[in-house]
Amino acid sequence: MKSLLLKLTLPFLLTLLYSLGMARCTHIKEMLGIEYIPPTIVLQNIEIKTVSLESISFFAILEIQNPNRFSIKCQRLNYELVSAKELLAHGLNETPIAIKAEGRSTLKMPVTLNIQSLLGLAKKIASKEKDTKILLKAVGEFDTPIGQQELTFEDEIPLSKILK
């Protein structure tokens, strides 16, 4: 009789404990300091490297701020640079960058633009009175203690700041 009672109540008790544990999981993660808060990424500047008749090469300088109580690592960053609805460049940065707990790191992302896309942009800039902006769109993959997390990010910088 005891074994039958144990066979009937054990699955019920395990299900109950699992349900209670899942309901409290968020609270437990917060108490342990492992709640994941997405990092912030800011396009700080653009540094021109080389200019030729075919292309312009530069670094997009990004600051990644980690608000978490644990270190994270950016494994890859897919990006696009757009201005006046014109795709200027796209690429993939696969150089891992570690960001300490509650810390900041700078990433210098190499970018090359071809002159043809810049000519299309120049026409659009000439017809506008407002300051044209360069928009960086990116999707980053971050390794964290609670698994891999994805972050979609957009930031812009006025073209006048780059040309100073």
N, C-alpha and C. Protein backbone atom coordinates (compact mmCIF):
# COMPACT_ATOMS: atom_id res chain seq x y z
N MET A 1 0.81 -1.19 0.00
CA MET A 1 0.00 0.00 0.00
C MET A 1 0.87 1.27 0.00
N LYS A 2 1.94 1.24 0.80
CA LYS A 2 2.82 2.40 0.85
C LYS A 2 3.46 2.67 -0.50
N SER A 3 3.87 1.63 -1.21
CA SER A 3 4.52 1.85 -2.50
C SER A 3 3.53 2.40 -3.52
N LEU A 4 2.27 2.00 -3.47
CA LEU A 4 1.25 2.54 -4.37
C LEU A 4 1.00 4.01 -4.07
N LEU A 5 0.93 4.34 -2.80
CA LEU A 5 0.73 5.72 -2.38
C LEU A 5 1.93 6.58 -2.81
N LEU A 6 3.13 6.05 -2.65
CA LEU A 6 4.34 6.76 -3.06
C LEU A 6 4.37 6.96 -4.57
N LYS A 7 3.97 5.94 -5.34
CA LYS A 7 3.94 6.04 -6.79
C LYS A 7 2.94 7.10 -7.25
N LEU A 8 1.85 7.25 -6.53
CA LEU A 8 0.83 8.23 -6.92
C LEU A 8 1.19 9.65 -6.49
N THR A 9 1.79 9.80 -5.33
CA THR A 9 2.07 11.15 -4.82
C THR A 9 3.40 11.71 -5.31
N LEU A 10 4.36 10.85 -5.61
CA LEU A 10 5.66 11.34 -6.04
C LEU A 10 5.57 12.18 -7.32
N PRO A 11 4.90 11.71 -8.39
CA PRO A 11 4.79 12.57 -9.59
C PRO A 11 4.06 13.88 -9.30
N PHE A 12 3.03 13.82 -8.44
CA PHE A 12 2.29 15.02 -8.09
C PHE A 12 3.19 16.02 -7.36
N LEU A 13 3.96 15.53 -6.39
CA LEU A 13 4.86 16.40 -5.62
C LEU A 13 5.95 16.99 -6.51
N LEU A 14 6.51 16.18 -7.41
CA LEU A 14 7.54 16.69 -8.32
C LEU A 14 6.99 17.78 -9.24
N THR A 15 5.78 17.57 -9.76
CA THR A 15 5.14 18.57 -10.61
C THR A 15 4.88 19.85 -9.83
N LEU A 16 4.41 19.72 -8.61
CA LEU A 16 4.13 20.87 -7.76
C LEU A 16 5.41 21.65 -7.47
N LEU A 17 6.48 20.94 -7.10
CA LEU A 17 7.75 21.61 -6.81
C LEU A 17 8.32 22.31 -8.05
N TYR A 18 8.22 21.65 -9.19
CA TYR A 18 8.69 22.25 -10.43
C TYR A 18 7.91 23.52 -10.75
N SER A 19 6.58 23.47 -10.60
CA SER A 19 5.74 24.63 -10.87
C SER A 19 6.07 25.79 -9.95
N LEU A 20 6.25 25.50 -8.67
CA LEU A 20 6.60 26.55 -7.71
C LEU A 20 7.98 27.13 -8.04
N GLY A 21 8.90 26.27 -8.41
CA GLY A 21 10.24 26.73 -8.76
C GLY A 21 10.23 27.64 -9.98
N MET A 22 9.46 27.30 -10.99
CA MET A 22 9.39 28.12 -12.19
C MET A 22 8.75 29.47 -11.89
N ALA A 23 7.75 29.48 -11.03
CA ALA A 23 7.08 30.74 -10.68
C ALA A 23 8.03 31.67 -9.94
N ARG A 24 8.97 31.12 -9.21
CA ARG A 24 9.90 31.91 -8.42
C ARG A 24 11.23 32.15 -9.13
N CYS A 25 11.40 31.60 -10.33
CA CYS A 25 12.67 31.64 -11.04
C CYS A 25 13.15 33.08 -11.26
N THR A 26 12.28 33.97 -11.71
CA THR A 26 12.66 35.36 -11.95
C THR A 26 13.12 36.02 -10.66
N HIS A 27 12.39 35.78 -9.57
CA HIS A 27 12.75 36.36 -8.29
C HIS A 27 14.11 35.82 -7.81
N ILE A 28 14.34 34.54 -7.99
CA ILE A 28 15.60 33.93 -7.57
C ILE A 28 16.75 34.51 -8.40
N LYS A 29 16.56 34.66 -9.73
CA LYS A 29 17.61 35.24 -10.58
C LYS A 29 17.95 36.66 -10.12
N GLU A 30 16.93 37.43 -9.75
CA GLU A 30 17.17 38.80 -9.27
C GLU A 30 17.96 38.78 -7.97
N MET A 31 17.58 37.87 -7.05
CA MET A 31 18.28 37.77 -5.76
C MET A 31 19.74 37.38 -5.95
N LEU A 32 20.00 36.49 -6.89
CA LEU A 32 21.37 36.04 -7.14
C LEU A 32 22.17 37.01 -8.01
N GLY A 33 21.51 38.03 -8.54
CA GLY A 33 22.19 39.02 -9.37
C GLY A 33 22.50 38.52 -10.77
N ILE A 34 21.71 37.57 -11.27
CA ILE A 34 21.96 37.06 -12.62
C ILE A 34 20.86 37.45 -13.60
N GLU A 35 20.08 38.45 -13.24
CA GLU A 35 19.08 38.95 -14.18
C GLU A 35 19.83 39.65 -15.32
N TYR A 36 19.46 39.36 -16.56
CA TYR A 36 20.14 39.94 -17.71
C TYR A 36 19.48 41.24 -18.12
N ILE A 37 20.30 42.30 -18.20
CA ILE A 37 19.86 43.59 -18.69
C ILE A 37 20.65 43.82 -19.98
N PRO A 38 19.98 44.07 -21.10
CA PRO A 38 20.71 44.25 -22.37
C PRO A 38 21.72 45.38 -22.28
N PRO A 39 22.91 45.18 -22.86
CA PRO A 39 23.90 46.26 -22.88
C PRO A 39 23.43 47.40 -23.78
N THR A 40 24.01 48.57 -23.58
CA THR A 40 23.72 49.69 -24.47
C THR A 40 24.93 49.89 -25.38
N ILE A 41 24.64 50.24 -26.62
CA ILE A 41 25.70 50.48 -27.61
C ILE A 41 25.48 51.87 -28.17
N VAL A 42 26.54 52.66 -28.17
CA VAL A 42 26.46 54.04 -28.67
C VAL A 42 27.51 54.23 -29.76
N LEU A 43 27.08 54.80 -30.88
CA LEU A 43 28.01 55.17 -31.95
C LEU A 43 28.66 56.49 -31.52
N GLN A 44 29.91 56.42 -31.11
CA GLN A 44 30.59 57.60 -30.58
C GLN A 44 31.15 58.49 -31.67
N ASN A 45 31.77 57.87 -32.66
CA ASN A 45 32.44 58.68 -33.67
C ASN A 45 32.77 57.82 -34.89
N ILE A 46 33.22 58.47 -35.92
CA ILE A 46 33.74 57.79 -37.10
C ILE A 46 35.10 58.39 -37.39
N GLU A 47 36.14 57.53 -37.48
CA GLU A 47 37.51 57.97 -37.75
C GLU A 47 37.89 57.54 -39.16
N ILE A 48 38.19 58.50 -40.02
CA ILE A 48 38.58 58.21 -41.40
C ILE A 48 39.99 57.60 -41.39
N LYS A 49 40.16 56.47 -42.11
CA LYS A 49 41.47 55.83 -42.26
C LYS A 49 42.12 56.22 -43.58
N THR A 50 41.47 55.84 -44.70
CA THR A 50 42.04 56.13 -46.02
C THR A 50 40.94 56.56 -46.98
N VAL A 51 41.34 57.38 -47.94
CA VAL A 51 40.43 57.82 -49.00
C VAL A 51 41.13 57.57 -50.33
N SER A 52 40.42 56.91 -51.26
CA SER A 52 40.97 56.67 -52.59
C SER A 52 39.90 56.99 -53.63
N LEU A 53 40.21 56.80 -54.89
CA LEU A 53 39.23 57.06 -55.94
C LEU A 53 38.09 56.03 -55.93
N GLU A 54 38.32 54.85 -55.36
CA GLU A 54 37.31 53.80 -55.33
C GLU A 54 36.53 53.72 -54.02
N SER A 55 37.20 54.08 -52.91
CA SER A 55 36.54 53.86 -51.62
C SER A 55 37.06 54.77 -50.52
N ILE A 56 36.33 54.75 -49.43
CA ILE A 56 36.74 55.42 -48.19
C ILE A 56 36.68 54.36 -47.09
N SER A 57 37.76 54.24 -46.34
CA SER A 57 37.81 53.30 -45.22
C SER A 57 37.87 54.09 -43.92
N PHE A 58 37.11 53.60 -42.95
CA PHE A 58 37.09 54.28 -41.65
C PHE A 58 36.73 53.29 -40.55
N PHE A 59 36.85 53.75 -39.31
CA PHE A 59 36.42 52.98 -38.15
C PHE A 59 35.14 53.61 -37.61
N ALA A 60 34.14 52.79 -37.36
CA ALA A 60 32.97 53.23 -36.59
C ALA A 60 33.32 52.90 -35.14
N ILE A 61 33.40 53.92 -34.30
CA ILE A 61 33.79 53.74 -32.91
C ILE A 61 32.53 53.55 -32.07
N LEU A 62 32.39 52.37 -31.48
CA LEU A 62 31.23 52.05 -30.66
C LEU A 62 31.65 51.89 -29.21
N GLU A 63 30.80 52.38 -28.31
CA GLU A 63 31.00 52.11 -26.89
C GLU A 63 29.91 51.15 -26.45
N ILE A 64 30.32 50.05 -25.85
CA ILE A 64 29.37 49.06 -25.33
C ILE A 64 29.42 49.13 -23.81
N GLN A 65 28.27 49.39 -23.20
CA GLN A 65 28.18 49.50 -21.75
C GLN A 65 27.39 48.32 -21.22
N ASN A 66 27.98 47.61 -20.25
CA ASN A 66 27.37 46.44 -19.63
C ASN A 66 26.81 46.82 -18.26
N PRO A 67 25.48 46.89 -18.10
CA PRO A 67 24.90 47.26 -16.81
C PRO A 67 24.75 46.07 -15.84
N ASN A 68 25.16 44.89 -16.26
CA ASN A 68 24.96 43.68 -15.46
C ASN A 68 26.03 43.50 -14.39
N ARG A 69 25.73 42.63 -13.42
CA ARG A 69 26.67 42.32 -12.35
C ARG A 69 27.63 41.21 -12.74
N PHE A 70 27.62 40.84 -14.00
CA PHE A 70 28.51 39.79 -14.51
C PHE A 70 29.07 40.23 -15.86
N SER A 71 30.22 39.66 -16.22
CA SER A 71 30.86 39.96 -17.50
C SER A 71 30.06 39.35 -18.64
N ILE A 72 30.14 40.01 -19.80
CA ILE A 72 29.53 39.48 -21.02
C ILE A 72 30.56 39.58 -22.14
N LYS A 73 30.34 38.83 -23.20
CA LYS A 73 31.25 38.88 -24.34
C LYS A 73 30.44 39.00 -25.62
N CYS A 74 30.75 40.03 -26.41
CA CYS A 74 30.12 40.21 -27.72
C CYS A 74 30.88 39.32 -28.70
N GLN A 75 30.20 38.29 -29.22
CA GLN A 75 30.86 37.34 -30.12
C GLN A 75 30.85 37.81 -31.57
N ARG A 76 29.77 38.44 -31.99
CA ARG A 76 29.69 38.93 -33.37
C ARG A 76 28.70 40.07 -33.44
N LEU A 77 28.90 40.90 -34.45
CA LEU A 77 28.06 42.06 -34.65
C LEU A 77 27.81 42.22 -36.15
N ASN A 78 26.58 42.00 -36.60
CA ASN A 78 26.18 42.26 -37.99
C ASN A 78 25.75 43.72 -38.05
N TYR A 79 26.19 44.44 -39.07
CA TYR A 79 25.86 45.86 -39.10
C TYR A 79 25.57 46.37 -40.51
N GLU A 80 24.86 47.49 -40.53
CA GLU A 80 24.58 48.25 -41.76
C GLU A 80 24.76 49.72 -41.43
N LEU A 81 25.32 50.47 -42.36
CA LEU A 81 25.38 51.93 -42.26
C LEU A 81 24.47 52.49 -43.34
N VAL A 82 23.54 53.35 -42.93
CA VAL A 82 22.55 53.91 -43.84
C VAL A 82 22.52 55.42 -43.64
N SER A 83 22.34 56.15 -44.75
CA SER A 83 22.16 57.60 -44.67
C SER A 83 21.23 58.02 -45.80
N ALA A 84 20.26 58.84 -45.46
CA ALA A 84 19.27 59.32 -46.43
C ALA A 84 18.67 58.15 -47.22
N LYS A 85 18.36 57.08 -46.50
CA LYS A 85 17.78 55.85 -47.06
C LYS A 85 18.68 55.15 -48.07
N GLU A 86 19.96 55.46 -48.05
CA GLU A 86 20.94 54.86 -48.96
C GLU A 86 21.84 53.92 -48.14
N LEU A 87 21.89 52.62 -48.53
CA LEU A 87 22.77 51.67 -47.86
C LEU A 87 24.20 52.00 -48.25
N LEU A 88 25.01 52.35 -47.25
CA LEU A 88 26.39 52.74 -47.52
C LEU A 88 27.35 51.58 -47.34
N ALA A 89 27.10 50.76 -46.32
CA ALA A 89 28.00 49.64 -46.04
C ALA A 89 27.28 48.63 -45.17
N HIS A 90 27.77 47.41 -45.21
CA HIS A 90 27.28 46.37 -44.31
C HIS A 90 28.41 45.40 -44.07
N GLY A 91 28.33 44.68 -42.99
CA GLY A 91 29.40 43.73 -42.70
C GLY A 91 29.16 42.97 -41.43
N LEU A 92 30.17 42.21 -41.07
CA LEU A 92 30.12 41.35 -39.90
C LEU A 92 31.43 41.50 -39.14
N ASN A 93 31.35 41.87 -37.88
CA ASN A 93 32.52 41.93 -37.02
C ASN A 93 32.51 40.69 -36.13
N GLU A 94 33.52 39.84 -36.27
CA GLU A 94 33.58 38.62 -35.47
C GLU A 94 34.74 38.64 -34.48
N THR A 95 35.27 39.81 -34.20
CA THR A 95 36.31 39.92 -33.18
C THR A 95 35.64 40.00 -31.82
N PRO A 96 35.79 38.95 -30.99
CA PRO A 96 35.12 38.98 -29.67
C PRO A 96 35.62 40.13 -28.81
N ILE A 97 34.71 40.71 -28.06
CA ILE A 97 35.08 41.78 -27.14
C ILE A 97 34.41 41.51 -25.79
N ALA A 98 35.22 41.46 -24.75
CA ALA A 98 34.71 41.20 -23.40
C ALA A 98 34.41 42.53 -22.71
N ILE A 99 33.29 42.56 -21.99
CA ILE A 99 32.90 43.75 -21.24
C ILE A 99 32.72 43.32 -19.79
N LYS A 100 33.51 43.91 -18.90
CA LYS A 100 33.46 43.55 -17.48
C LYS A 100 32.11 43.91 -16.87
N ALA A 101 31.83 43.31 -15.74
CA ALA A 101 30.60 43.61 -15.01
C ALA A 101 30.52 45.11 -14.75
N GLU A 102 29.38 45.71 -15.07
CA GLU A 102 29.13 47.14 -14.89
C GLU A 102 30.24 47.99 -15.52
N GLY A 103 30.80 47.51 -16.63
CA GLY A 103 31.90 48.21 -17.27
C GLY A 103 31.56 48.65 -18.69
N ARG A 104 32.57 49.22 -19.34
CA ARG A 104 32.43 49.71 -20.72
C ARG A 104 33.63 49.24 -21.54
N SER A 105 33.39 49.01 -22.82
CA SER A 105 34.47 48.70 -23.75
C SER A 105 34.21 49.44 -25.05
N THR A 106 35.31 49.72 -25.76
CA THR A 106 35.21 50.41 -27.04
C THR A 106 35.54 49.42 -28.14
N LEU A 107 34.75 49.46 -29.19
CA LEU A 107 34.96 48.61 -30.35
C LEU A 107 35.20 49.50 -31.56
N LYS A 108 36.32 49.28 -32.25
CA LYS A 108 36.63 50.00 -33.50
C LYS A 108 36.28 49.06 -34.64
N MET A 109 35.14 49.32 -35.27
CA MET A 109 34.65 48.46 -36.34
C MET A 109 35.12 49.00 -37.69
N PRO A 110 35.92 48.22 -38.43
CA PRO A 110 36.38 48.69 -39.73
C PRO A 110 35.25 48.67 -40.76
N VAL A 111 35.13 49.75 -41.52
CA VAL A 111 34.08 49.87 -42.54
C VAL A 111 34.71 50.45 -43.80
N THR A 112 34.29 49.95 -44.96
CA THR A 112 34.74 50.49 -46.25
C THR A 112 33.52 50.83 -47.09
N LEU A 113 33.47 52.04 -47.59
CA LEU A 113 32.38 52.49 -48.47
C LEU A 113 32.91 52.63 -49.88
N ASN A 114 32.11 52.21 -50.86
CA ASN A 114 32.56 52.46 -52.23
C ASN A 114 32.04 53.84 -52.66
N ILE A 115 32.77 54.43 -53.58
CA ILE A 115 32.48 55.80 -54.01
C ILE A 115 31.10 55.91 -54.66
N GLN A 116 30.63 54.88 -55.37
CA GLN A 116 29.32 54.93 -56.03
C GLN A 116 28.20 55.17 -55.03
N SER A 117 28.24 54.47 -53.89
CA SER A 117 27.18 54.69 -52.89
C SER A 117 27.28 56.09 -52.30
N LEU A 118 28.50 56.62 -52.21
CA LEU A 118 28.68 57.99 -51.69
C LEU A 118 28.16 59.04 -52.67
N LEU A 119 28.29 58.77 -53.98
CA LEU A 119 27.77 59.72 -54.97
C LEU A 119 26.25 59.82 -54.88
N GLY A 120 25.59 58.67 -54.68
CA GLY A 120 24.14 58.68 -54.49
C GLY A 120 23.76 59.45 -53.24
N LEU A 121 24.54 59.30 -52.19
CA LEU A 121 24.29 60.03 -50.95
C LEU A 121 24.53 61.52 -51.15
N ALA A 122 25.57 61.89 -51.87
CA ALA A 122 25.89 63.31 -52.09
C ALA A 122 24.74 64.03 -52.78
N LYS A 123 24.10 63.38 -53.73
CA LYS A 123 22.95 63.99 -54.41
C LYS A 123 21.82 64.26 -53.43
N LYS A 124 21.57 63.31 -52.55
CA LYS A 124 20.50 63.48 -51.57
C LYS A 124 20.84 64.56 -50.54
N ILE A 125 22.11 64.63 -50.16
CA ILE A 125 22.54 65.65 -49.19
C ILE A 125 22.37 67.04 -49.78
N ALA A 126 22.74 67.19 -51.05
CA ALA A 126 22.67 68.50 -51.72
C ALA A 126 21.24 69.02 -51.77
N SER A 127 20.27 68.13 -51.82
CA SER A 127 18.88 68.57 -51.93
C SER A 127 18.22 68.80 -50.56
N LYS A 128 18.93 68.52 -49.49
CA LYS A 128 18.36 68.69 -48.14
C LYS A 128 18.93 69.92 -47.46
N GLU A 129 18.11 70.53 -46.61
CA GLU A 129 18.60 71.66 -45.83
C GLU A 129 19.06 71.22 -44.44
N LYS A 130 18.45 70.14 -43.93
CA LYS A 130 18.81 69.64 -42.60
C LYS A 130 20.15 68.92 -42.64
N ASP A 131 20.74 68.78 -41.46
CA ASP A 131 21.99 68.02 -41.34
C ASP A 131 21.70 66.54 -41.54
N THR A 132 22.36 65.93 -42.50
CA THR A 132 22.18 64.50 -42.78
C THR A 132 22.84 63.68 -41.68
N LYS A 133 22.24 62.56 -41.36
CA LYS A 133 22.76 61.69 -40.31
C LYS A 133 23.18 60.35 -40.90
N ILE A 134 24.18 59.74 -40.26
CA ILE A 134 24.61 58.38 -40.58
C ILE A 134 23.97 57.48 -39.52
N LEU A 135 23.22 56.48 -39.96
CA LEU A 135 22.53 55.56 -39.07
C LEU A 135 23.25 54.24 -39.06
N LEU A 136 23.59 53.76 -37.86
CA LEU A 136 24.18 52.43 -37.70
C LEU A 136 23.11 51.51 -37.16
N LYS A 137 22.83 50.43 -37.89
CA LYS A 137 21.92 49.39 -37.44
C LYS A 137 22.76 48.14 -37.21
N ALA A 138 22.57 47.50 -36.06
CA ALA A 138 23.39 46.32 -35.76
C ALA A 138 22.60 45.30 -34.96
N VAL A 139 23.01 44.05 -35.10
CA VAL A 139 22.49 42.97 -34.29
C VAL A 139 23.70 42.27 -33.68
N GLY A 140 23.77 42.28 -32.35
CA GLY A 140 24.90 41.68 -31.65
C GLY A 140 24.50 40.40 -30.93
N GLU A 141 25.45 39.47 -30.85
CA GLU A 141 25.26 38.24 -30.10
C GLU A 141 26.20 38.28 -28.90
N PHE A 142 25.62 38.16 -27.70
CA PHE A 142 26.38 38.27 -26.46
C PHE A 142 26.32 36.97 -25.68
N ASP A 143 27.49 36.49 -25.24
CA ASP A 143 27.55 35.34 -24.33
C ASP A 143 27.43 35.86 -22.91
N THR A 144 26.53 35.25 -22.14
CA THR A 144 26.31 35.62 -20.74
C THR A 144 26.25 34.35 -19.90
N PRO A 145 26.32 34.46 -18.57
CA PRO A 145 26.20 33.27 -17.73
C PRO A 145 24.84 32.57 -17.86
N ILE A 146 23.84 33.27 -18.40
CA ILE A 146 22.52 32.65 -18.54
C ILE A 146 22.23 32.28 -20.00
N GLY A 147 23.28 32.18 -20.82
CA GLY A 147 23.11 31.78 -22.21
C GLY A 147 23.36 32.92 -23.17
N GLN A 148 23.29 32.60 -24.46
CA GLN A 148 23.53 33.61 -25.49
C GLN A 148 22.30 34.51 -25.64
N GLN A 149 22.55 35.81 -25.71
CA GLN A 149 21.49 36.81 -25.84
C GLN A 149 21.73 37.62 -27.11
N GLU A 150 20.66 38.05 -27.76
CA GLU A 150 20.76 38.86 -28.98
C GLU A 150 20.26 40.28 -28.69
N LEU A 151 20.94 41.25 -29.25
CA LEU A 151 20.56 42.65 -29.06
C LEU A 151 20.50 43.34 -30.41
N THR A 152 19.37 43.97 -30.70
CA THR A 152 19.23 44.80 -31.90
C THR A 152 19.44 46.24 -31.47
N PHE A 153 20.19 46.97 -32.26
CA PHE A 153 20.63 48.30 -31.86
C PHE A 153 20.60 49.24 -33.06
N GLU A 154 20.22 50.50 -32.82
CA GLU A 154 20.30 51.57 -33.83
C GLU A 154 20.79 52.84 -33.15
N ASP A 155 21.68 53.55 -33.82
CA ASP A 155 22.13 54.85 -33.33
C ASP A 155 22.57 55.67 -34.54
N GLU A 156 22.53 56.98 -34.40
CA GLU A 156 22.91 57.83 -35.52
C GLU A 156 23.84 58.93 -35.05
N ILE A 157 24.58 59.44 -36.02
CA ILE A 157 25.53 60.52 -35.75
C ILE A 157 25.42 61.51 -36.91
N PRO A 158 25.38 62.82 -36.63
CA PRO A 158 25.29 63.80 -37.72
C PRO A 158 26.54 63.77 -38.60
N LEU A 159 26.35 63.88 -39.88
CA LEU A 159 27.44 63.88 -40.83
C LEU A 159 28.39 65.05 -40.56
N SER A 160 27.86 66.17 -40.09
CA SER A 160 28.69 67.34 -39.80
C SER A 160 29.72 67.03 -38.71
N LYS A 161 29.40 66.16 -37.78
CA LYS A 161 30.35 65.78 -36.71
C LYS A 161 31.51 64.99 -37.29
N ILE A 162 31.24 64.18 -38.31
CA ILE A 162 32.28 63.36 -38.93
C ILE A 162 33.21 64.23 -39.77
N LEU A 163 32.64 65.21 -40.46
CA LEU A 163 33.41 66.02 -41.40
C LEU A 163 34.19 67.14 -40.74
N LYS A 164 34.11 67.29 -39.42
CA LYS A 164 34.86 68.35 -38.73
C LYS A 164 36.34 68.13 -38.81
